[in-house]
Amino acid sequence: MRCVRFLVHATLAMLVLTGCSSYRPAPAAFHEVLEQPYRLGAGDRIRVTVFEQEGLTNTYSVDQSGYIAFPLVGAVAARGHSAQEIEGQLAAKLRQGYLRDPDVSVEIDRYRPIFVMGEVGSAGQYSYVPGMTVQKAIAVAGGFSARANQANVDITRNINGKVMTGRVFTSDPLLPGDTIYVRERLF
């Protein structure tokens, strides 16, 4: 009897420890990146305004290679750069024989989408809105399913070219391109 009881307790302890072994707290970089300027990536769309140049003022999408195709100057590297850095790049390229003193302004027109997977009403791809939290993204995806772990979720995020996954609370902010995975609760 004692041996059976010991085996039951040992098995339960092993199951609990196994469940905890997949725990991945969010790396420090998850929170540090929130304090930095937004970096463009494939799927983002920017609005470029060149003062008194209607032919150049337009919206441009960042392609899968990380570039925008801009009239006169051709491909401009956008992936990993802030909107302010793109302004400087475009102004510098336009000064090279096209415009004397270009006044360029760049703003984000549309962010790349987020993805919500797992125990939600309708998993899929959704538009990112500035200020979006995990909880708001789950609400957009139809809310939690009946089996969902509602305490925290796993997020996969690309930070400086490195893909990281960590566990965060539902009140944590999101970034464009994040993938949210809502796990099933154990009991």
N, C-alpha and C. Protein backbone atom coordinates (compact mmCIF):
# COMPACT_ATOMS: atom_id res chain seq x y z
N MET A 1 0.82 -1.19 0.00
CA MET A 1 0.00 0.00 0.00
C MET A 1 0.86 1.26 0.00
N ARG A 2 1.90 1.24 0.85
CA ARG A 2 2.79 2.38 0.92
C ARG A 2 3.50 2.59 -0.42
N CYS A 3 3.89 1.51 -1.03
CA CYS A 3 4.58 1.57 -2.31
C CYS A 3 3.68 2.16 -3.39
N VAL A 4 2.42 1.79 -3.39
CA VAL A 4 1.46 2.32 -4.37
C VAL A 4 1.24 3.81 -4.14
N ARG A 5 1.09 4.18 -2.87
CA ARG A 5 0.91 5.59 -2.52
C ARG A 5 2.13 6.41 -2.95
N PHE A 6 3.31 5.87 -2.69
CA PHE A 6 4.55 6.54 -3.10
C PHE A 6 4.60 6.73 -4.61
N LEU A 7 4.24 5.68 -5.35
CA LEU A 7 4.24 5.77 -6.82
C LEU A 7 3.24 6.80 -7.33
N VAL A 8 2.07 6.87 -6.71
CA VAL A 8 1.06 7.87 -7.10
C VAL A 8 1.60 9.27 -6.85
N HIS A 9 2.17 9.50 -5.67
CA HIS A 9 2.73 10.82 -5.35
C HIS A 9 3.90 11.17 -6.27
N ALA A 10 4.75 10.20 -6.53
CA ALA A 10 5.90 10.44 -7.42
C ALA A 10 5.42 10.77 -8.83
N THR A 11 4.40 10.08 -9.30
CA THR A 11 3.86 10.34 -10.63
C THR A 11 3.24 11.72 -10.70
N LEU A 12 2.47 12.10 -9.68
CA LEU A 12 1.88 13.44 -9.64
C LEU A 12 2.97 14.51 -9.61
N ALA A 13 3.99 14.31 -8.82
CA ALA A 13 5.09 15.27 -8.75
C ALA A 13 5.77 15.40 -10.10
N MET A 14 5.96 14.28 -10.77
CA MET A 14 6.59 14.31 -12.09
C MET A 14 5.72 15.07 -13.10
N LEU A 15 4.41 14.86 -13.04
CA LEU A 15 3.51 15.57 -13.95
C LEU A 15 3.53 17.07 -13.70
N VAL A 16 3.53 17.47 -12.45
CA VAL A 16 3.58 18.89 -12.11
C VAL A 16 4.89 19.50 -12.59
N LEU A 17 6.01 18.83 -12.33
CA LEU A 17 7.30 19.34 -12.77
C LEU A 17 7.42 19.37 -14.29
N THR A 18 6.85 18.41 -14.96
CA THR A 18 6.88 18.39 -16.42
C THR A 18 6.10 19.57 -16.97
N GLY A 19 4.95 19.86 -16.35
CA GLY A 19 4.15 21.01 -16.79
C GLY A 19 4.88 22.31 -16.59
N CYS A 20 5.69 22.40 -15.53
CA CYS A 20 6.44 23.63 -15.26
C CYS A 20 7.68 23.75 -16.13
N SER A 21 8.17 22.64 -16.66
CA SER A 21 9.42 22.70 -17.42
C SER A 21 9.27 23.47 -18.72
N SER A 22 8.04 23.60 -19.24
CA SER A 22 7.85 24.35 -20.48
C SER A 22 7.69 25.84 -20.21
N TYR A 23 7.70 26.24 -18.97
CA TYR A 23 7.54 27.65 -18.62
C TYR A 23 8.73 28.45 -19.12
N ARG A 24 8.44 29.48 -19.88
CA ARG A 24 9.48 30.35 -20.41
C ARG A 24 9.11 31.80 -20.08
N PRO A 25 9.64 32.35 -18.99
CA PRO A 25 9.30 33.75 -18.69
C PRO A 25 9.80 34.65 -19.81
N ALA A 26 9.15 35.78 -19.99
CA ALA A 26 9.54 36.70 -21.06
C ALA A 26 10.95 37.21 -20.80
N PRO A 27 11.82 37.15 -21.82
CA PRO A 27 13.17 37.69 -21.67
C PRO A 27 13.11 39.21 -21.42
N ALA A 28 14.14 39.74 -20.83
CA ALA A 28 14.19 41.19 -20.55
C ALA A 28 14.01 42.01 -21.82
N ALA A 29 14.47 41.48 -22.95
CA ALA A 29 14.36 42.21 -24.22
C ALA A 29 12.91 42.46 -24.61
N PHE A 30 11.97 41.63 -24.13
CA PHE A 30 10.55 41.82 -24.43
C PHE A 30 10.07 43.19 -23.96
N HIS A 31 10.52 43.59 -22.78
CA HIS A 31 10.07 44.86 -22.21
C HIS A 31 10.96 46.02 -22.66
N GLU A 32 12.24 45.75 -22.91
CA GLU A 32 13.16 46.80 -23.36
C GLU A 32 12.77 47.33 -24.73
N VAL A 33 12.29 46.45 -25.63
CA VAL A 33 11.95 46.85 -26.98
C VAL A 33 10.75 47.81 -27.00
N LEU A 34 9.93 47.77 -25.95
CA LEU A 34 8.77 48.67 -25.87
C LEU A 34 9.19 50.12 -25.67
N GLU A 35 10.39 50.34 -25.15
CA GLU A 35 10.89 51.69 -24.88
C GLU A 35 11.62 52.29 -26.08
N GLN A 36 11.86 51.49 -27.11
CA GLN A 36 12.62 51.93 -28.28
C GLN A 36 11.69 52.41 -29.38
N PRO A 37 12.22 53.21 -30.33
CA PRO A 37 11.39 53.61 -31.48
C PRO A 37 10.98 52.38 -32.28
N TYR A 38 9.80 52.43 -32.88
CA TYR A 38 9.29 51.32 -33.66
C TYR A 38 10.17 51.09 -34.88
N ARG A 39 10.50 49.82 -35.12
CA ARG A 39 11.32 49.42 -36.27
C ARG A 39 10.44 48.78 -37.33
N LEU A 40 10.57 49.23 -38.54
CA LEU A 40 9.76 48.72 -39.65
C LEU A 40 10.12 47.29 -40.00
N GLY A 41 9.15 46.58 -40.58
CA GLY A 41 9.36 45.22 -41.03
C GLY A 41 8.45 44.93 -42.21
N ALA A 42 8.64 43.76 -42.82
CA ALA A 42 7.82 43.36 -43.97
C ALA A 42 6.35 43.35 -43.57
N GLY A 43 5.52 43.95 -44.41
CA GLY A 43 4.10 44.03 -44.13
C GLY A 43 3.66 45.39 -43.63
N ASP A 44 4.59 46.22 -43.17
CA ASP A 44 4.25 47.58 -42.76
C ASP A 44 4.03 48.44 -44.00
N ARG A 45 3.22 49.48 -43.85
CA ARG A 45 3.02 50.44 -44.93
C ARG A 45 3.26 51.83 -44.36
N ILE A 46 4.08 52.61 -45.06
CA ILE A 46 4.40 53.96 -44.59
C ILE A 46 3.85 55.01 -45.56
N ARG A 47 3.57 56.17 -45.02
CA ARG A 47 3.14 57.31 -45.84
C ARG A 47 4.31 58.28 -45.89
N VAL A 48 4.80 58.52 -47.11
CA VAL A 48 5.92 59.43 -47.32
C VAL A 48 5.37 60.71 -47.94
N THR A 49 5.68 61.83 -47.30
CA THR A 49 5.28 63.13 -47.82
C THR A 49 6.55 63.90 -48.15
N VAL A 50 6.68 64.31 -49.41
CA VAL A 50 7.79 65.17 -49.83
C VAL A 50 7.17 66.51 -50.16
N PHE A 51 7.50 67.53 -49.36
CA PHE A 51 6.89 68.85 -49.49
C PHE A 51 7.03 69.39 -50.90
N GLU A 52 5.89 69.82 -51.47
CA GLU A 52 5.78 70.39 -52.82
C GLU A 52 6.19 69.41 -53.92
N GLN A 53 6.09 68.11 -53.67
CA GLN A 53 6.40 67.08 -54.67
C GLN A 53 5.28 66.03 -54.65
N GLU A 54 4.15 66.39 -55.28
CA GLU A 54 2.99 65.50 -55.26
C GLU A 54 3.27 64.14 -55.89
N GLY A 55 4.16 64.09 -56.87
CA GLY A 55 4.47 62.83 -57.53
C GLY A 55 5.23 61.85 -56.65
N LEU A 56 5.86 62.34 -55.60
CA LEU A 56 6.62 61.48 -54.69
C LEU A 56 5.84 61.16 -53.41
N THR A 57 4.85 62.00 -53.10
CA THR A 57 4.05 61.80 -51.90
C THR A 57 3.06 60.67 -52.15
N ASN A 58 3.18 59.60 -51.33
CA ASN A 58 2.34 58.43 -51.52
C ASN A 58 2.53 57.46 -50.35
N THR A 59 1.80 56.34 -50.36
CA THR A 59 2.04 55.28 -49.39
C THR A 59 2.88 54.19 -50.06
N TYR A 60 3.78 53.61 -49.29
CA TYR A 60 4.70 52.59 -49.81
C TYR A 60 4.74 51.43 -48.82
N SER A 61 4.67 50.22 -49.35
CA SER A 61 4.70 49.01 -48.52
C SER A 61 6.12 48.47 -48.42
N VAL A 62 6.45 47.97 -47.23
CA VAL A 62 7.74 47.30 -47.02
C VAL A 62 7.55 45.87 -47.53
N ASP A 63 8.35 45.50 -48.55
CA ASP A 63 8.19 44.17 -49.15
C ASP A 63 8.87 43.09 -48.30
N GLN A 64 8.76 41.83 -48.74
CA GLN A 64 9.31 40.71 -47.99
C GLN A 64 10.83 40.79 -47.83
N SER A 65 11.48 41.50 -48.73
CA SER A 65 12.94 41.66 -48.64
C SER A 65 13.33 42.80 -47.70
N GLY A 66 12.33 43.58 -47.24
CA GLY A 66 12.61 44.67 -46.31
C GLY A 66 12.86 46.01 -46.98
N TYR A 67 12.45 46.17 -48.23
CA TYR A 67 12.69 47.41 -48.97
C TYR A 67 11.37 48.07 -49.37
N ILE A 68 11.44 49.39 -49.62
CA ILE A 68 10.35 50.09 -50.28
C ILE A 68 10.87 50.53 -51.64
N ALA A 69 9.98 50.52 -52.62
CA ALA A 69 10.34 50.98 -53.96
C ALA A 69 9.90 52.44 -54.07
N PHE A 70 10.88 53.36 -54.10
CA PHE A 70 10.60 54.79 -54.10
C PHE A 70 10.97 55.38 -55.45
N PRO A 71 10.07 56.20 -56.04
CA PRO A 71 10.37 56.79 -57.35
C PRO A 71 11.68 57.58 -57.34
N LEU A 72 12.34 57.61 -58.45
CA LEU A 72 13.62 58.29 -58.70
C LEU A 72 14.81 57.57 -58.09
N VAL A 73 14.71 57.15 -56.83
CA VAL A 73 15.89 56.59 -56.16
C VAL A 73 15.91 55.07 -56.11
N GLY A 74 14.77 54.42 -56.39
CA GLY A 74 14.72 52.95 -56.41
C GLY A 74 14.48 52.35 -55.04
N ALA A 75 15.09 51.19 -54.81
CA ALA A 75 14.87 50.44 -53.56
C ALA A 75 15.59 51.12 -52.40
N VAL A 76 14.86 51.26 -51.28
CA VAL A 76 15.41 51.85 -50.06
C VAL A 76 15.20 50.85 -48.93
N ALA A 77 16.27 50.51 -48.24
CA ALA A 77 16.19 49.56 -47.12
C ALA A 77 15.34 50.14 -46.00
N ALA A 78 14.30 49.41 -45.60
CA ALA A 78 13.40 49.89 -44.55
C ALA A 78 13.39 48.97 -43.32
N ARG A 79 13.57 47.67 -43.52
CA ARG A 79 13.51 46.72 -42.40
C ARG A 79 14.54 47.09 -41.34
N GLY A 80 14.07 47.16 -40.10
CA GLY A 80 14.96 47.44 -38.98
C GLY A 80 15.22 48.92 -38.75
N HIS A 81 14.65 49.78 -39.59
CA HIS A 81 14.85 51.23 -39.45
C HIS A 81 13.59 51.88 -38.89
N SER A 82 13.77 53.00 -38.19
CA SER A 82 12.62 53.76 -37.70
C SER A 82 12.13 54.68 -38.81
N ALA A 83 10.94 55.23 -38.64
CA ALA A 83 10.39 56.17 -39.63
C ALA A 83 11.32 57.37 -39.78
N GLN A 84 11.89 57.85 -38.69
CA GLN A 84 12.81 58.99 -38.72
C GLN A 84 14.07 58.66 -39.53
N GLU A 85 14.58 57.45 -39.39
CA GLU A 85 15.76 57.06 -40.16
C GLU A 85 15.44 56.98 -41.65
N ILE A 86 14.24 56.51 -42.00
CA ILE A 86 13.83 56.46 -43.41
C ILE A 86 13.74 57.87 -43.98
N GLU A 87 13.23 58.81 -43.19
CA GLU A 87 13.19 60.22 -43.63
C GLU A 87 14.58 60.68 -44.04
N GLY A 88 15.56 60.42 -43.20
CA GLY A 88 16.94 60.83 -43.48
C GLY A 88 17.49 60.15 -44.72
N GLN A 89 17.24 58.84 -44.88
CA GLN A 89 17.72 58.11 -46.05
C GLN A 89 17.13 58.68 -47.34
N LEU A 90 15.82 58.90 -47.33
CA LEU A 90 15.16 59.40 -48.53
C LEU A 90 15.64 60.80 -48.88
N ALA A 91 15.77 61.67 -47.88
CA ALA A 91 16.24 63.03 -48.13
C ALA A 91 17.66 63.01 -48.71
N ALA A 92 18.52 62.16 -48.17
CA ALA A 92 19.90 62.06 -48.66
C ALA A 92 19.93 61.57 -50.11
N LYS A 93 19.11 60.58 -50.44
CA LYS A 93 19.08 60.05 -51.81
C LYS A 93 18.49 61.06 -52.79
N LEU A 94 17.47 61.80 -52.35
CA LEU A 94 16.86 62.80 -53.23
C LEU A 94 17.80 63.99 -53.47
N ARG A 95 18.70 64.29 -52.53
CA ARG A 95 19.69 65.36 -52.70
C ARG A 95 20.73 65.02 -53.77
N GLN A 96 20.86 63.74 -54.09
CA GLN A 96 21.88 63.30 -55.05
C GLN A 96 21.40 63.50 -56.48
N GLY A 97 21.14 64.76 -56.85
CA GLY A 97 20.80 65.10 -58.23
C GLY A 97 19.33 65.21 -58.55
N TYR A 98 18.44 65.03 -57.57
CA TYR A 98 17.01 65.11 -57.86
C TYR A 98 16.36 66.36 -57.29
N LEU A 99 16.59 66.67 -56.02
CA LEU A 99 16.02 67.86 -55.37
C LEU A 99 17.11 68.57 -54.58
N ARG A 100 17.03 69.90 -54.52
CA ARG A 100 18.06 70.66 -53.79
C ARG A 100 17.99 70.45 -52.29
N ASP A 101 16.84 70.73 -51.73
CA ASP A 101 16.69 70.61 -50.28
C ASP A 101 15.35 69.95 -49.97
N PRO A 102 15.27 68.62 -50.12
CA PRO A 102 13.99 67.94 -49.94
C PRO A 102 13.54 67.95 -48.48
N ASP A 103 12.26 68.21 -48.29
CA ASP A 103 11.63 68.17 -46.97
C ASP A 103 10.78 66.90 -46.94
N VAL A 104 11.28 65.86 -46.28
CA VAL A 104 10.64 64.54 -46.29
C VAL A 104 10.06 64.23 -44.91
N SER A 105 8.84 63.71 -44.92
CA SER A 105 8.19 63.29 -43.69
C SER A 105 7.69 61.85 -43.88
N VAL A 106 7.91 61.00 -42.88
CA VAL A 106 7.48 59.60 -42.96
C VAL A 106 6.69 59.26 -41.70
N GLU A 107 5.53 58.63 -41.91
CA GLU A 107 4.73 58.15 -40.79
C GLU A 107 4.20 56.76 -41.12
N ILE A 108 3.90 55.99 -40.09
CA ILE A 108 3.37 54.64 -40.29
C ILE A 108 1.91 54.77 -40.71
N ASP A 109 1.56 54.18 -41.83
CA ASP A 109 0.19 54.20 -42.33
C ASP A 109 -0.57 52.96 -41.85
N ARG A 110 0.09 51.80 -41.89
CA ARG A 110 -0.52 50.54 -41.45
C ARG A 110 0.59 49.64 -40.91
N TYR A 111 0.34 49.08 -39.74
CA TYR A 111 1.31 48.17 -39.12
C TYR A 111 1.11 46.75 -39.64
N ARG A 112 2.17 45.93 -39.56
CA ARG A 112 2.03 44.53 -39.94
C ARG A 112 1.10 43.84 -38.95
N PRO A 113 0.45 42.75 -39.37
CA PRO A 113 -0.57 42.13 -38.53
C PRO A 113 0.01 41.33 -37.37
N ILE A 114 -0.87 41.01 -36.42
CA ILE A 114 -0.55 40.10 -35.33
C ILE A 114 -1.28 38.79 -35.61
N PHE A 115 -0.87 37.74 -34.92
CA PHE A 115 -1.48 36.43 -35.10
C PHE A 115 -1.89 35.91 -33.73
N VAL A 116 -3.12 35.39 -33.64
CA VAL A 116 -3.63 34.85 -32.39
C VAL A 116 -3.97 33.39 -32.63
N MET A 117 -3.39 32.51 -31.81
CA MET A 117 -3.57 31.06 -31.99
C MET A 117 -3.94 30.42 -30.66
N GLY A 118 -4.38 29.18 -30.75
CA GLY A 118 -4.66 28.41 -29.55
C GLY A 118 -6.11 28.48 -29.13
N GLU A 119 -6.32 28.54 -27.82
CA GLU A 119 -7.65 28.44 -27.23
C GLU A 119 -8.41 29.78 -27.26
N VAL A 120 -8.76 30.21 -28.48
CA VAL A 120 -9.57 31.42 -28.68
C VAL A 120 -10.73 31.08 -29.59
N GLY A 121 -11.70 31.98 -29.65
CA GLY A 121 -12.89 31.73 -30.46
C GLY A 121 -12.60 31.58 -31.93
N SER A 122 -11.73 32.43 -32.47
CA SER A 122 -11.44 32.40 -33.90
C SER A 122 -9.97 32.76 -34.14
N ALA A 123 -9.12 31.75 -34.14
CA ALA A 123 -7.68 31.98 -34.34
C ALA A 123 -7.45 32.53 -35.73
N GLY A 124 -6.42 33.36 -35.88
CA GLY A 124 -6.10 33.89 -37.19
C GLY A 124 -5.23 35.13 -37.14
N GLN A 125 -5.19 35.83 -38.27
CA GLN A 125 -4.40 37.04 -38.44
C GLN A 125 -5.31 38.24 -38.24
N TYR A 126 -4.83 39.24 -37.47
CA TYR A 126 -5.63 40.42 -37.17
C TYR A 126 -4.79 41.68 -37.31
N SER A 127 -5.46 42.79 -37.60
CA SER A 127 -4.78 44.07 -37.74
C SER A 127 -4.29 44.54 -36.37
N TYR A 128 -3.07 45.09 -36.36
CA TYR A 128 -2.51 45.66 -35.13
C TYR A 128 -2.98 47.10 -35.02
N VAL A 129 -3.31 47.50 -33.79
CA VAL A 129 -3.70 48.88 -33.49
C VAL A 129 -2.75 49.37 -32.40
N PRO A 130 -2.17 50.57 -32.54
CA PRO A 130 -1.26 51.06 -31.49
C PRO A 130 -1.94 51.03 -30.12
N GLY A 131 -1.21 50.58 -29.11
CA GLY A 131 -1.73 50.48 -27.76
C GLY A 131 -2.43 49.16 -27.47
N MET A 132 -2.38 48.25 -28.41
CA MET A 132 -3.06 46.96 -28.25
C MET A 132 -2.36 46.12 -27.19
N THR A 133 -3.17 45.48 -26.34
CA THR A 133 -2.65 44.56 -25.33
C THR A 133 -3.03 43.14 -25.74
N VAL A 134 -2.48 42.16 -25.03
CA VAL A 134 -2.81 40.77 -25.28
C VAL A 134 -4.31 40.56 -25.10
N GLN A 135 -4.87 41.13 -24.05
CA GLN A 135 -6.30 40.96 -23.76
C GLN A 135 -7.17 41.50 -24.90
N LYS A 136 -6.80 42.65 -25.45
CA LYS A 136 -7.57 43.24 -26.56
C LYS A 136 -7.46 42.37 -27.81
N ALA A 137 -6.28 41.82 -28.05
CA ALA A 137 -6.10 40.94 -29.22
C ALA A 137 -6.94 39.69 -29.09
N ILE A 138 -7.01 39.14 -27.88
CA ILE A 138 -7.83 37.94 -27.65
C ILE A 138 -9.31 38.28 -27.84
N ALA A 139 -9.72 39.46 -27.40
CA ALA A 139 -11.11 39.89 -27.60
C ALA A 139 -11.44 39.98 -29.08
N VAL A 140 -10.52 40.53 -29.88
CA VAL A 140 -10.72 40.62 -31.32
C VAL A 140 -10.82 39.24 -31.94
N ALA A 141 -10.11 38.27 -31.37
CA ALA A 141 -10.11 36.90 -31.89
C ALA A 141 -11.26 36.06 -31.32
N GLY A 142 -12.28 36.71 -30.80
CA GLY A 142 -13.46 35.98 -30.33
C GLY A 142 -13.43 35.59 -28.87
N GLY A 143 -12.45 36.06 -28.12
CA GLY A 143 -12.36 35.76 -26.70
C GLY A 143 -11.76 34.39 -26.42
N PHE A 144 -11.65 34.09 -25.14
CA PHE A 144 -11.10 32.80 -24.72
C PHE A 144 -12.09 31.69 -24.99
N SER A 145 -11.58 30.50 -25.31
CA SER A 145 -12.44 29.32 -25.40
C SER A 145 -12.71 28.83 -23.97
N ALA A 146 -13.59 27.88 -23.82
CA ALA A 146 -13.94 27.35 -22.50
C ALA A 146 -12.76 26.67 -21.82
N ARG A 147 -11.80 26.17 -22.60
CA ARG A 147 -10.65 25.44 -22.04
C ARG A 147 -9.41 26.31 -21.88
N ALA A 148 -9.49 27.59 -22.15
CA ALA A 148 -8.30 28.45 -22.18
C ALA A 148 -7.73 28.75 -20.81
N ASN A 149 -6.40 28.82 -20.75
CA ASN A 149 -5.69 29.33 -19.58
C ASN A 149 -5.74 30.85 -19.71
N GLN A 150 -6.49 31.51 -18.82
CA GLN A 150 -6.71 32.95 -18.96
C GLN A 150 -5.71 33.80 -18.17
N ALA A 151 -4.79 33.17 -17.47
CA ALA A 151 -3.84 33.92 -16.63
C ALA A 151 -2.71 34.54 -17.44
N ASN A 152 -2.13 33.76 -18.36
CA ASN A 152 -1.01 34.27 -19.15
C ASN A 152 -0.95 33.52 -20.48
N VAL A 153 -0.16 34.07 -21.40
CA VAL A 153 -0.05 33.50 -22.75
C VAL A 153 1.41 33.49 -23.18
N ASP A 154 1.70 32.77 -24.23
CA ASP A 154 3.04 32.77 -24.82
C ASP A 154 3.03 33.71 -26.03
N ILE A 155 4.06 34.53 -26.12
CA ILE A 155 4.20 35.44 -27.26
C ILE A 155 5.52 35.14 -27.95
N THR A 156 5.48 35.06 -29.27
CA THR A 156 6.69 34.95 -30.07
C THR A 156 6.88 36.28 -30.76
N ARG A 157 8.08 36.85 -30.61
CA ARG A 157 8.36 38.20 -31.09
C ARG A 157 9.74 38.23 -31.72
N ASN A 158 9.87 38.97 -32.81
CA ASN A 158 11.16 39.17 -33.48
C ASN A 158 11.78 40.44 -32.90
N ILE A 159 12.90 40.28 -32.19
CA ILE A 159 13.58 41.42 -31.57
C ILE A 159 14.99 41.51 -32.15
N ASN A 160 15.23 42.57 -32.90
CA ASN A 160 16.54 42.80 -33.53
C ASN A 160 16.99 41.60 -34.35
N GLY A 161 16.06 41.01 -35.10
CA GLY A 161 16.39 39.89 -35.97
C GLY A 161 16.43 38.54 -35.28
N LYS A 162 16.18 38.50 -33.97
CA LYS A 162 16.19 37.24 -33.23
C LYS A 162 14.77 36.93 -32.76
N VAL A 163 14.29 35.73 -33.07
CA VAL A 163 12.95 35.31 -32.68
C VAL A 163 12.99 34.77 -31.26
N MET A 164 12.17 35.36 -30.38
CA MET A 164 12.13 34.96 -28.97
C MET A 164 10.70 34.63 -28.57
N THR A 165 10.55 33.68 -27.66
CA THR A 165 9.24 33.33 -27.12
C THR A 165 9.30 33.45 -25.61
N GLY A 166 8.25 34.02 -25.04
CA GLY A 166 8.19 34.15 -23.59
C GLY A 166 6.75 34.21 -23.12
N ARG A 167 6.56 33.97 -21.85
CA ARG A 167 5.23 33.97 -21.25
C ARG A 167 4.98 35.34 -20.61
N VAL A 168 3.82 35.92 -20.93
CA VAL A 168 3.47 37.24 -20.42
C VAL A 168 2.04 37.22 -19.88
N PHE A 169 1.68 38.26 -19.14
CA PHE A 169 0.32 38.42 -18.64
C PHE A 169 -0.57 38.98 -19.75
N THR A 170 -1.87 38.82 -19.61
CA THR A 170 -2.79 39.32 -20.64
C THR A 170 -2.86 40.84 -20.68
N SER A 171 -2.33 41.51 -19.67
CA SER A 171 -2.33 42.98 -19.67
C SER A 171 -1.10 43.55 -20.37
N ASP A 172 -0.17 42.72 -20.79
CA ASP A 172 1.06 43.20 -21.45
C ASP A 172 0.77 43.76 -22.84
N PRO A 173 1.53 44.78 -23.23
CA PRO A 173 1.35 45.36 -24.57
C PRO A 173 1.91 44.45 -25.66
N LEU A 174 1.37 44.62 -26.86
CA LEU A 174 1.82 43.88 -28.04
C LEU A 174 2.59 44.79 -28.97
N LEU A 175 3.31 44.17 -29.88
CA LEU A 175 3.98 44.88 -30.98
C LEU A 175 3.50 44.28 -32.29
N PRO A 176 3.55 45.05 -33.37
CA PRO A 176 3.18 44.50 -34.67
C PRO A 176 4.03 43.27 -34.99
N GLY A 177 3.40 42.26 -35.58
CA GLY A 177 4.11 41.04 -35.95
C GLY A 177 4.14 39.99 -34.86
N ASP A 178 3.66 40.31 -33.65
CA ASP A 178 3.66 39.32 -32.56
C ASP A 178 2.73 38.16 -32.88
N THR A 179 3.09 36.98 -32.37
CA THR A 179 2.23 35.81 -32.43
C THR A 179 1.87 35.43 -31.00
N ILE A 180 0.56 35.42 -30.71
CA ILE A 180 0.06 35.11 -29.38
C ILE A 180 -0.46 33.68 -29.38
N TYR A 181 -0.04 32.89 -28.41
CA TYR A 181 -0.55 31.53 -28.29
C TYR A 181 -1.21 31.37 -26.93
N VAL A 182 -2.53 31.11 -26.93
CA VAL A 182 -3.28 30.88 -25.70
C VAL A 182 -3.29 29.38 -25.44
N ARG A 183 -2.70 28.99 -24.30
CA ARG A 183 -2.61 27.57 -23.96
C ARG A 183 -3.90 27.06 -23.34
N GLU A 184 -4.03 25.74 -23.35
CA GLU A 184 -5.16 25.08 -22.71
C GLU A 184 -4.83 24.95 -21.21
N ARG A 185 -5.81 25.18 -20.36
CA ARG A 185 -5.56 25.03 -18.92
C ARG A 185 -5.52 23.54 -18.57
N LEU A 186 -4.83 23.22 -17.49
CA LEU A 186 -4.66 21.83 -17.10
C LEU A 186 -5.91 21.27 -16.45
N PHE A 187 -6.60 22.08 -15.62
CA PHE A 187 -7.78 21.57 -14.89
C PHE A 187 -8.94 22.52 -15.06
